[in-house]
Each structure stands twice: as C-alpha cells, then as structure tokens.
Amino acid sequence: MAEMSMPGSSYGGLVRYNEEYPSKLKFKAPHVIIMVALVILFVLALNIFFPVK
C-alpha cells in the first residue's frame, strides 16, 4: 500500500482566517443590528403606505 502525503495537513482542515486579506469595511455588532432593524422598519413602512393590491 502506498503512503499518501497531503499538503497542509498540520492544520487538520481548519481555515486560518488571519491569513486572509484585511477587509476595508469593518462593522461592529451593534451597528449591524441597527442596520438590520432599519431595513425591517423600512420594509414594514413600505407595506403599510404602499400595500400590494
């Protein structure tokens, strides 16, 4: 039986995200929650003022 050698096997299949490029857009968790809430309120307002007939 032939022995197989896999590259990068020391990481055990885990991705190391700190080796990725740094993002130019960084949001904190409260900012994301506020943006999602604003989108939900916007959609609700559209449904109230412009209902689909």
Protein backbone atom coordinates (compact mmCIF):
# COMPACT_ATOMS: atom_id res chain seq x y z
CA MET A 1 0.00 0.00 0.00
CA ALA A 2 1.36 3.42 -0.99
CA GLU A 3 1.61 6.13 1.64
CA MET A 4 -0.19 9.39 0.80
CA SER A 5 1.08 12.79 1.84
CA MET A 6 -1.32 15.73 1.97
CA PRO A 7 -0.09 19.35 1.93
CA GLY A 8 -1.05 21.47 4.91
CA SER A 9 -2.12 18.50 6.97
CA SER A 10 -0.84 20.13 10.16
CA TYR A 11 -3.94 22.37 10.28
CA GLY A 12 -6.37 19.46 10.25
CA GLY A 13 -8.64 21.05 7.65
CA LEU A 14 -9.14 24.26 9.64
CA VAL A 15 -9.09 27.57 7.83
CA ARG A 16 -6.85 30.24 9.27
CA TYR A 17 -8.73 33.48 8.69
CA ASN A 18 -5.96 35.72 9.94
CA GLU A 19 -4.03 34.91 6.78
CA GLU A 20 -6.79 36.42 4.63
CA TYR A 21 -6.60 39.99 3.38
CA PRO A 22 -7.95 42.61 5.80
CA SER A 23 -11.39 43.94 4.93
CA LYS A 24 -11.82 47.65 4.24
CA LEU A 25 -15.33 47.52 5.71
CA LYS A 26 -15.46 46.68 9.40
CA PHE A 27 -18.73 46.86 11.31
CA LYS A 28 -19.28 46.37 15.00
CA ALA A 29 -22.13 44.10 16.11
CA PRO A 30 -24.42 46.92 17.36
CA HIS A 31 -24.10 48.71 14.02
CA VAL A 32 -25.15 45.59 12.12
CA ILE A 33 -28.16 45.09 14.43
CA ILE A 34 -29.22 48.71 13.94
CA MET A 35 -28.88 48.45 10.14
CA VAL A 36 -30.99 45.26 10.08
CA ALA A 37 -33.63 46.91 12.28
CA LEU A 38 -33.74 49.93 9.96
CA VAL A 39 -34.19 47.73 6.90
CA ILE A 40 -37.03 45.85 8.64
CA LEU A 41 -38.73 49.13 9.60
CA PHE A 42 -38.30 50.43 6.04
CA VAL A 43 -39.93 47.33 4.56
CA LEU A 44 -42.79 47.49 7.08
CA ALA A 45 -43.35 51.18 6.26
CA LEU A 46 -43.46 50.38 2.55
CA ASN A 47 -46.04 47.65 3.19
CA ILE A 48 -48.19 50.00 5.28
CA PHE A 49 -48.09 53.03 2.99
CA PHE A 50 -47.92 51.19 -0.35
CA PRO A 51 -49.78 47.88 0.10
CA VAL A 52 -49.69 45.34 -2.71
CA LYS A 53 -53.12 45.03 -4.28
